[in-house]
């Protein structure tokens, strides 16, 4: 399946360079390994698509109920972060 989503310019550049190899998204669509994620660059300053897009094959998906692991107060106060890593 091909899934198209918008991505802001700063994040698009990080994906294109290979520095960013993940997405943090609400679970409002179905996505599974083997799908192709098409990221269409969107400039939030001009509120318009730039015309650039990039495709990435989905290799892993996990859905998390953050409140199962962390108190709601901590999430509200600090937010959540995604950490990407790879073996050296």
PDB file of N, CA and C in Angstrom:
ATOM      1  N   UNK A   1       0.839  -1.177   0.000  1.00  0.00           N
ATOM      2  CA  UNK A   1       0.000   0.000   0.000  1.00  0.00           C
ATOM      3  C   UNK A   1       0.890   1.248   0.000  1.00  0.00           C
ATOM      4  N   UNK A   2       0.476   2.276  -0.701  1.00  0.00           N
ATOM      5  CA  UNK A   2       1.149   3.576  -0.697  1.00  0.00           C
ATOM      6  C   UNK A   2       0.357   4.514   0.183  1.00  0.00           C
ATOM      7  N   UNK A   3       1.055   5.146   1.102  1.00  0.00           N
ATOM      8  CA  UNK A   3       0.428   6.058   2.049  1.00  0.00           C
ATOM      9  C   UNK A   3       1.076   7.426   1.874  1.00  0.00           C
ATOM     10  N   UNK A   4       0.285   8.439   1.578  1.00  0.00           N
ATOM     11  CA  UNK A   4       0.812   9.787   1.384  1.00  0.00           C
ATOM     12  C   UNK A   4       0.500  10.654   2.592  1.00  0.00           C
ATOM     13  N   UNK A   5       1.537  11.323   3.075  1.00  0.00           N
ATOM     14  CA  UNK A   5       1.408  12.222   4.222  1.00  0.00           C
ATOM     15  C   UNK A   5       2.241  13.467   3.972  1.00  0.00           C
ATOM     16  N   UNK A   6       1.854  14.567   4.607  1.00  0.00           N
ATOM     17  CA  UNK A   6       2.664  15.782   4.499  1.00  0.00           C
ATOM     18  C   UNK A   6       3.745  15.748   5.561  1.00  0.00           C
ATOM     19  N   UNK A   7       4.845  16.424   5.275  1.00  0.00           N
ATOM     20  CA  UNK A   7       5.946  16.547   6.222  1.00  0.00           C
ATOM     21  C   UNK A   7       6.526  17.945   6.083  1.00  0.00           C
ATOM     22  N   UNK A   8       6.765  18.599   7.196  1.00  0.00           N
ATOM     23  CA  UNK A   8       7.308  19.953   7.173  1.00  0.00           C
ATOM     24  C   UNK A   8       8.726  19.966   6.622  1.00  0.00           C
ATOM     25  N   UNK A   9       9.098  21.090   6.051  1.00  0.00           N
ATOM     26  CA  UNK A   9      10.374  21.260   5.353  1.00  0.00           C
ATOM     27  C   UNK A   9      11.582  20.820   6.171  1.00  0.00           C
ATOM     28  N   UNK A  10      11.684  21.262   7.418  1.00  0.00           N
ATOM     29  CA  UNK A  10      12.848  20.902   8.249  1.00  0.00           C
ATOM     30  C   UNK A  10      12.976  19.391   8.384  1.00  0.00           C
ATOM     31  N   UNK A  11      11.863  18.714   8.587  1.00  0.00           N
ATOM     32  CA  UNK A  11      11.881  17.266   8.759  1.00  0.00           C
ATOM     33  C   UNK A  11      12.124  16.555   7.426  1.00  0.00           C
ATOM     34  N   UNK A  12      11.584  17.121   6.354  1.00  0.00           N
ATOM     35  CA  UNK A  12      11.810  16.555   5.026  1.00  0.00           C
ATOM     36  C   UNK A  12      13.308  16.504   4.723  1.00  0.00           C
ATOM     37  N   UNK A  13      13.998  17.604   4.980  1.00  0.00           N
ATOM     38  CA  UNK A  13      15.439  17.663   4.713  1.00  0.00           C
ATOM     39  C   UNK A  13      16.200  16.627   5.536  1.00  0.00           C
ATOM     40  N   UNK A  14      15.776  16.409   6.777  1.00  0.00           N
ATOM     41  CA  UNK A  14      16.439  15.411   7.633  1.00  0.00           C
ATOM     42  C   UNK A  14      16.207  13.997   7.104  1.00  0.00           C
ATOM     43  N   UNK A  15      15.005  13.716   6.600  1.00  0.00           N
ATOM     44  CA  UNK A  15      14.727  12.397   6.006  1.00  0.00           C
ATOM     45  C   UNK A  15      15.546  12.234   4.732  1.00  0.00           C
ATOM     46  N   UNK A  16      15.557  13.260   3.897  1.00  0.00           N
ATOM     47  CA  UNK A  16      16.280  13.198   2.624  1.00  0.00           C
ATOM     48  C   UNK A  16      17.778  12.968   2.834  1.00  0.00           C
ATOM     49  N   UNK A  17      18.347  13.557   3.885  1.00  0.00           N
ATOM     50  CA  UNK A  17      19.785  13.412   4.148  1.00  0.00           C
ATOM     51  C   UNK A  17      20.120  12.079   4.817  1.00  0.00           C
ATOM     52  N   UNK A  18      19.097  11.407   5.339  1.00  0.00           N
ATOM     53  CA  UNK A  18      19.327  10.140   6.034  1.00  0.00           C
ATOM     54  C   UNK A  18      19.518  10.296   7.531  1.00  0.00           C
ATOM     55  N   UNK A  19      19.510  11.547   8.032  1.00  0.00           N
ATOM     56  CA  UNK A  19      19.660  11.769   9.471  1.00  0.00           C
ATOM     57  C   UNK A  19      18.434  11.318  10.263  1.00  0.00           C
ATOM     58  N   UNK A  20      17.270  11.372   9.649  1.00  0.00           N
ATOM     59  CA  UNK A  20      16.018  11.011  10.318  1.00  0.00           C
ATOM     60  C   UNK A  20      15.431   9.798   9.608  1.00  0.00           C
ATOM     61  N   UNK A  21      15.252   8.720  10.344  1.00  0.00           N
ATOM     62  CA  UNK A  21      14.717   7.493   9.746  1.00  0.00           C
ATOM     63  C   UNK A  21      13.519   6.968  10.528  1.00  0.00           C
ATOM     64  N   UNK A  22      12.646   7.884  10.921  1.00  0.00           N
ATOM     65  CA  UNK A  22      11.435   7.519  11.658  1.00  0.00           C
ATOM     66  C   UNK A  22      10.383   8.594  11.444  1.00  0.00           C
ATOM     67  N   UNK A  23       9.156   8.289  11.771  1.00  0.00           N
ATOM     68  CA  UNK A  23       8.071   9.263  11.801  1.00  0.00           C
ATOM     69  C   UNK A  23       7.302   9.048  13.091  1.00  0.00           C
ATOM     70  N   UNK A  24       6.790  10.099  13.655  1.00  0.00           N
ATOM     71  CA  UNK A  24       5.970  10.074  14.864  1.00  0.00           C
ATOM     72  C   UNK A  24       4.603  10.591  14.440  1.00  0.00           C
ATOM     73  N   UNK A  25       3.621   9.711  14.366  1.00  0.00           N
ATOM     74  CA  UNK A  25       2.313  10.061  13.814  1.00  0.00           C
ATOM     75  C   UNK A  25       1.192   9.527  14.683  1.00  0.00           C
ATOM     76  N   UNK A  26       0.034  10.197  14.657  1.00  0.00           N
ATOM     77  CA  UNK A  26      -1.133   9.622  15.329  1.00  0.00           C
ATOM     78  C   UNK A  26      -1.579   8.355  14.595  1.00  0.00           C
ATOM     79  N   UNK A  27      -2.239   7.486  15.318  1.00  0.00           N
ATOM     80  CA  UNK A  27      -2.687   6.224  14.723  1.00  0.00           C
ATOM     81  C   UNK A  27      -4.062   6.460  14.078  1.00  0.00           C
ATOM     82  N   UNK A  28      -4.079   7.287  13.040  1.00  0.00           N
ATOM     83  CA  UNK A  28      -5.337   7.577  12.344  1.00  0.00           C
ATOM     84  C   UNK A  28      -5.353   6.994  10.934  1.00  0.00           C
ATOM     85  N   UNK A  29      -4.401   6.081  10.661  1.00  0.00           N
ATOM     86  CA  UNK A  29      -4.366   5.384   9.382  1.00  0.00           C
ATOM     87  C   UNK A  29      -3.664   4.054   9.589  1.00  0.00           C
ATOM     88  N   UNK A  30      -3.927   3.100   8.711  1.00  0.00           N
ATOM     89  CA  UNK A  30      -3.307   1.782   8.798  1.00  0.00           C
ATOM     90  C   UNK A  30      -1.958   1.812   8.100  1.00  0.00           C
ATOM     91  N   UNK A  31      -0.963   1.231   8.717  1.00  0.00           N
ATOM     92  CA  UNK A  31       0.383   1.205   8.171  1.00  0.00           C
ATOM     93  C   UNK A  31       1.061  -0.068   8.647  1.00  0.00           C
ATOM     94  N   UNK A  32       1.751  -0.753   7.730  1.00  0.00           N
ATOM     95  CA  UNK A  32       2.420  -1.999   8.116  1.00  0.00           C
ATOM     96  C   UNK A  32       3.723  -2.146   7.339  1.00  0.00           C
ATOM     97  N   UNK A  33       4.637  -2.987   7.850  1.00  0.00           N
ATOM     98  CA  UNK A  33       5.883  -3.217   7.124  1.00  0.00           C
ATOM     99  C   UNK A  33       5.615  -3.646   5.682  1.00  0.00           C
ATOM    100  N   UNK A  34       6.408  -3.102   4.778  1.00  0.00           N
ATOM    101  CA  UNK A  34       6.238  -3.378   3.359  1.00  0.00           C
ATOM    102  C   UNK A  34       5.494  -2.268   2.637  1.00  0.00           C
ATOM    103  N   UNK A  35       4.707  -1.466   3.368  1.00  0.00           N
ATOM    104  CA  UNK A  35       4.025  -0.325   2.760  1.00  0.00           C
ATOM    105  C   UNK A  35       5.059   0.723   2.346  1.00  0.00           C
ATOM    106  N   UNK A  36       4.660   1.610   1.456  1.00  0.00           N
ATOM    107  CA  UNK A  36       5.523   2.715   1.032  1.00  0.00           C
ATOM    108  C   UNK A  36       4.922   4.007   1.575  1.00  0.00           C
ATOM    109  N   UNK A  37       5.731   4.720   2.343  1.00  0.00           N
ATOM    110  CA  UNK A  37       5.315   6.000   2.890  1.00  0.00           C
ATOM    111  C   UNK A  37       5.836   7.100   1.973  1.00  0.00           C
ATOM    112  N   UNK A  38       4.928   7.844   1.380  1.00  0.00           N
ATOM    113  CA  UNK A  38       5.276   8.960   0.496  1.00  0.00           C
ATOM    114  C   UNK A  38       5.124  10.236   1.316  1.00  0.00           C
ATOM    115  N   UNK A  39       6.236  10.923   1.531  1.00  0.00           N
ATOM    116  CA  UNK A  39       6.230  12.146   2.328  1.00  0.00           C
ATOM    117  C   UNK A  39       6.319  13.345   1.398  1.00  0.00           C
ATOM    118  N   UNK A  40       5.264  14.152   1.393  1.00  0.00           N
ATOM    119  CA  UNK A  40       5.176  15.338   0.543  1.00  0.00           C
ATOM    120  C   UNK A  40       5.559  16.566   1.366  1.00  0.00           C
ATOM    121  N   UNK A  41       6.605  17.244   0.926  1.00  0.00           N
ATOM    122  CA  UNK A  41       7.108  18.395   1.678  1.00  0.00           C
ATOM    123  C   UNK A  41       6.078  19.523   1.706  1.00  0.00           C
ATOM    124  N   UNK A  42       5.882  20.059   2.909  1.00  0.00           N
ATOM    125  CA  UNK A  42       4.919  21.133   3.144  1.00  0.00           C
ATOM    126  C   UNK A  42       5.618  22.226   3.937  1.00  0.00           C
ATOM    127  N   UNK A  43       5.518  23.453   3.462  1.00  0.00           N
ATOM    128  CA  UNK A  43       6.132  24.589   4.147  1.00  0.00           C
ATOM    129  C   UNK A  43       5.085  25.252   5.031  1.00  0.00           C
ATOM    130  N   UNK A  44       5.215  25.131   6.363  1.00  0.00           N
ATOM    131  CA  UNK A  44       4.202  25.713   7.243  1.00  0.00           C
ATOM    132  C   UNK A  44       4.194  27.239   7.221  1.00  0.00           C
ATOM    133  N   UNK A  45       5.278  27.860   6.778  1.00  0.00           N
ATOM    134  CA  UNK A  45       5.317  29.325   6.710  1.00  0.00           C
ATOM    135  C   UNK A  45       4.440  29.842   5.576  1.00  0.00           C
ATOM    136  N   UNK A  46       4.527  29.172   4.404  1.00  0.00           N
ATOM    137  CA  UNK A  46       3.729  29.600   3.253  1.00  0.00           C
ATOM    138  C   UNK A  46       2.396  28.856   3.180  1.00  0.00           C
ATOM    139  N   UNK A  47       2.269  27.823   4.018  1.00  0.00           N
ATOM    140  CA  UNK A  47       1.081  26.974   4.040  1.00  0.00           C
ATOM    141  C   UNK A  47       0.799  26.373   2.667  1.00  0.00           C
ATOM    142  N   UNK A  48       1.899  25.867   2.050  1.00  0.00           N
ATOM    143  CA  UNK A  48       1.770  25.283   0.719  1.00  0.00           C
ATOM    144  C   UNK A  48       2.765  24.126   0.554  1.00  0.00           C
ATOM    145  N   UNK A  49       2.392  23.201  -0.304  1.00  0.00           N
ATOM    146  CA  UNK A  49       3.304  22.112  -0.662  1.00  0.00           C
ATOM    147  C   UNK A  49       4.387  22.669  -1.573  1.00  0.00           C
ATOM    148  N   UNK A  50       5.600  22.136  -1.447  1.00  0.00           N
ATOM    149  CA  UNK A  50       6.727  22.634  -2.239  1.00  0.00           C
ATOM    150  C   UNK A  50       6.871  21.907  -3.576  1.00  0.00           C
ATOM    151  N   UNK A  51       6.254  20.736  -3.692  1.00  0.00           N
ATOM    152  CA  UNK A  51       6.390  19.933  -4.902  1.00  0.00           C
ATOM    153  C   UNK A  51       7.406  18.811  -4.750  1.00  0.00           C
ATOM    154  N   UNK A  52       8.191  18.857  -3.674  1.00  0.00           N
ATOM    155  CA  UNK A  52       9.150  17.778  -3.435  1.00  0.00           C
ATOM    156  C   UNK A  52       8.479  16.661  -2.641  1.00  0.00           C
ATOM    157  N   UNK A  53       8.863  15.435  -2.947  1.00  0.00           N
ATOM    158  CA  UNK A  53       8.374  14.292  -2.179  1.00  0.00           C
ATOM    159  C   UNK A  53       9.468  13.246  -2.110  1.00  0.00           C
ATOM    160  N   UNK A  54       9.346  12.377  -1.145  1.00  0.00           N
ATOM    161  CA  UNK A  54      10.325  11.314  -0.946  1.00  0.00           C
ATOM    162  C   UNK A  54       9.573  10.062  -0.516  1.00  0.00           C
ATOM    163  N   UNK A  55      10.029   8.911  -0.990  1.00  0.00           N
ATOM    164  CA  UNK A  55       9.388   7.643  -0.643  1.00  0.00           C
ATOM    165  C   UNK A  55      10.317   6.827   0.239  1.00  0.00           C
ATOM    166  N   UNK A  56       9.735   6.199   1.245  1.00  0.00           N
ATOM    167  CA  UNK A  56      10.483   5.310   2.120  1.00  0.00           C
ATOM    168  C   UNK A  56       9.652   4.053   2.375  1.00  0.00           C
ATOM    169  N   UNK A  57      10.318   2.902   2.331  1.00  0.00           N
ATOM    170  CA  UNK A  57       9.652   1.636   2.620  1.00  0.00           C
ATOM    171  C   UNK A  57       9.534   1.480   4.135  1.00  0.00           C
ATOM    172  N   UNK A  58       8.353   1.140   4.593  1.00  0.00           N
ATOM    173  CA  UNK A  58       8.101   0.946   6.023  1.00  0.00           C
ATOM    174  C   UNK A  58       8.709  -0.390   6.443  1.00  0.00           C
ATOM    175  N   UNK A  59       9.533  -0.353   7.497  1.00  0.00           N
ATOM    176  CA  UNK A  59      10.175  -1.580   7.985  1.00  0.00           C
ATOM    177  C   UNK A  59       9.662  -2.010   9.351  1.00  0.00           C
ATOM    178  N   UNK A  60       9.108  -1.092  10.127  1.00  0.00           N
ATOM    179  CA  UNK A  60       8.653  -1.417  11.479  1.00  0.00           C
ATOM    180  C   UNK A  60       7.586  -0.420  11.900  1.00  0.00           C
ATOM    181  N   UNK A  61       6.546  -0.899  12.567  1.00  0.00           N
ATOM    182  CA  UNK A  61       5.483  -0.047  13.084  1.00  0.00           C
ATOM    183  C   UNK A  61       5.127  -0.534  14.481  1.00  0.00           C
ATOM    184  N   UNK A  62       5.003   0.377  15.411  1.00  0.00           N
ATOM    185  CA  UNK A  62       4.499   0.021  16.734  1.00  0.00           C
ATOM    186  C   UNK A  62       3.504   1.083  17.164  1.00  0.00           C
ATOM    187  N   UNK A  63       2.471   0.660  17.838  1.00  0.00           N
ATOM    188  CA  UNK A  63       1.441   1.576  18.333  1.00  0.00           C
ATOM    189  C   UNK A  63       1.505   1.531  19.851  1.00  0.00           C
ATOM    190  N   UNK A  64       1.529   2.706  20.466  1.00  0.00           N
ATOM    191  CA  UNK A  64       1.741   2.787  21.898  1.00  0.00           C
ATOM    192  C   UNK A  64       0.668   3.643  22.560  1.00  0.00           C
ATOM    193  N   UNK A  65       0.148   3.140  23.659  1.00  0.00           N
ATOM    194  CA  UNK A  65      -0.705   3.933  24.539  1.00  0.00           C
ATOM    195  C   UNK A  65       0.225   4.484  25.606  1.00  0.00           C
ATOM    196  N   UNK A  66       0.701   5.699  25.403  1.00  0.00           N
ATOM    197  CA  UNK A  66       1.730   6.281  26.270  1.00  0.00           C
ATOM    198  C   UNK A  66       1.302   6.306  27.736  1.00  0.00           C
ATOM    199  N   UNK A  67       0.013   6.505  28.001  1.00  0.00           N
ATOM    200  CA  UNK A  67      -0.446   6.580  29.384  1.00  0.00           C
ATOM    201  C   UNK A  67      -0.369   5.232  30.094  1.00  0.00           C
ATOM    202  N   UNK A  68      -0.161   4.174  29.328  1.00  0.00           N
ATOM    203  CA  UNK A  68       0.029   2.856  29.930  1.00  0.00           C
ATOM    204  C   UNK A  68       1.407   2.781  30.591  1.00  0.00           C
ATOM    205  N   UNK A  69       2.351   3.562  30.075  1.00  0.00           N
ATOM    206  CA  UNK A  69       3.732   3.514  30.555  1.00  0.00           C
ATOM    207  C   UNK A  69       4.135   4.725  31.402  1.00  0.00           C
ATOM    208  N   UNK A  70       3.487   5.857  31.157  1.00  0.00           N
ATOM    209  CA  UNK A  70       3.870   7.088  31.839  1.00  0.00           C
ATOM    210  C   UNK A  70       2.630   7.796  32.359  1.00  0.00           C
ATOM    211  N   UNK A  71       2.733   8.448  33.508  1.00  0.00           N
ATOM    212  CA  UNK A  71       1.580   9.194  34.031  1.00  0.00           C
ATOM    213  C   UNK A  71       1.173  10.322  33.080  1.00  0.00           C
ATOM    214  N   UNK A  72      -0.115  10.534  32.968  1.00  0.00           N
ATOM    215  CA  UNK A  72      -0.642  11.582  32.088  1.00  0.00           C
ATOM    216  C   UNK A  72      -0.036  12.947  32.430  1.00  0.00           C
ATOM    217  N   UNK A  73       0.194  13.189  33.720  1.00  0.00           N
ATOM    218  CA  UNK A  73       0.767  14.462  34.147  1.00  0.00           C
ATOM    219  C   UNK A  73       2.174  14.657  33.574  1.00  0.00           C
ATOM    220  N   UNK A  74       2.965  13.600  33.538  1.00  0.00           N
ATOM    221  CA  UNK A  74       4.320  13.688  32.981  1.00  0.00           C
ATOM    222  C   UNK A  74       4.280  13.965  31.488  1.00  0.00           C
ATOM    223  N   UNK A  75       3.363  13.303  30.801  1.00  0.00           N
ATOM    224  CA  UNK A  75       3.227  13.510  29.360  1.00  0.00           C
ATOM    225  C   UNK A  75       2.802  14.945  29.081  1.00  0.00           C
ATOM    226  N   UNK A  76       1.831  15.448  29.860  1.00  0.00           N
ATOM    227  CA  UNK A  76       1.364  16.823  29.668  1.00  0.00           C
ATOM    228  C   UNK A  76       2.462  17.838  29.979  1.00  0.00           C
ATOM    229  N   UNK A  77       3.235  17.564  31.019  1.00  0.00           N
ATOM    230  CA  UNK A  77       4.268  18.508  31.442  1.00  0.00           C
ATOM    231  C   UNK A  77       5.484  18.497  30.523  1.00  0.00           C
ATOM    232  N   UNK A  78       5.942  17.297  30.138  1.00  0.00           N
ATOM    233  CA  UNK A  78       7.188  17.181  29.393  1.00  0.00           C
ATOM    234  C   UNK A  78       7.017  16.831  27.919  1.00  0.00           C
ATOM    235  N   UNK A  79       5.883  16.256  27.545  1.00  0.00           N
ATOM    236  CA  UNK A  79       5.696  15.770  26.187  1.00  0.00           C
ATOM    237  C   UNK A  79       6.380  14.426  26.005  1.00  0.00           C
ATOM    238  N   UNK A  80       6.458  13.971  24.782  1.00  0.00           N
ATOM    239  CA  UNK A  80       7.098  12.708  24.458  1.00  0.00           C
ATOM    240  C   UNK A  80       8.232  12.970  23.475  1.00  0.00           C
ATOM    241  N   UNK A  81       9.201  12.090  23.465  1.00  0.00           N
ATOM    242  CA  UNK A  81      10.262  12.184  22.472  1.00  0.00           C
ATOM    243  C   UNK A  81      10.454  10.822  21.826  1.00  0.00           C
ATOM    244  N   UNK A  82      10.924  10.833  20.607  1.00  0.00           N
ATOM    245  CA  UNK A  82      11.254   9.615  19.894  1.00  0.00           C
ATOM    246  C   UNK A  82      12.770   9.570  19.802  1.00  0.00           C
ATOM    247  N   UNK A  83      13.348   8.449  20.110  1.00  0.00           N
ATOM    248  CA  UNK A  83      14.799   8.302  20.052  1.00  0.00           C
ATOM    249  C   UNK A  83      15.129   7.278  18.980  1.00  0.00           C
ATOM    250  N   UNK A  84      15.939   7.659  18.033  1.00  0.00           N
ATOM    251  CA  UNK A  84      16.375   6.767  16.976  1.00  0.00           C
ATOM    252  C   UNK A  84      17.817   6.378  17.241  1.00  0.00           C
ATOM    253  N   UNK A  85      18.148   5.130  17.015  1.00  0.00           N
ATOM    254  CA  UNK A  85      19.526   4.706  17.224  1.00  0.00           C
ATOM    255  C   UNK A  85      19.859   3.584  16.279  1.00  0.00           C
ATOM    256  N   UNK A  86      21.163   3.304  16.140  1.00  0.00           N
ATOM    257  CA  UNK A  86      21.637   2.219  15.313  1.00  0.00           C
ATOM    258  C   UNK A  86      22.915   1.677  15.941  1.00  0.00           C
ATOM    259  N   UNK A  87      23.236   0.447  15.675  1.00  0.00           N
ATOM    260  CA  UNK A  87      24.480  -0.092  16.217  1.00  0.00           C
ATOM    261  C   UNK A  87      25.682   0.557  15.545  1.00  0.00           C
ATOM    262  N   UNK A  88      26.754   0.723  16.287  1.00  0.00           N
ATOM    263  CA  UNK A  88      27.988   1.283  15.706  1.00  0.00           C
ATOM    264  C   UNK A  88      28.777   0.240  14.969  1.00  0.00           C
TER     265      UNK A  88
END
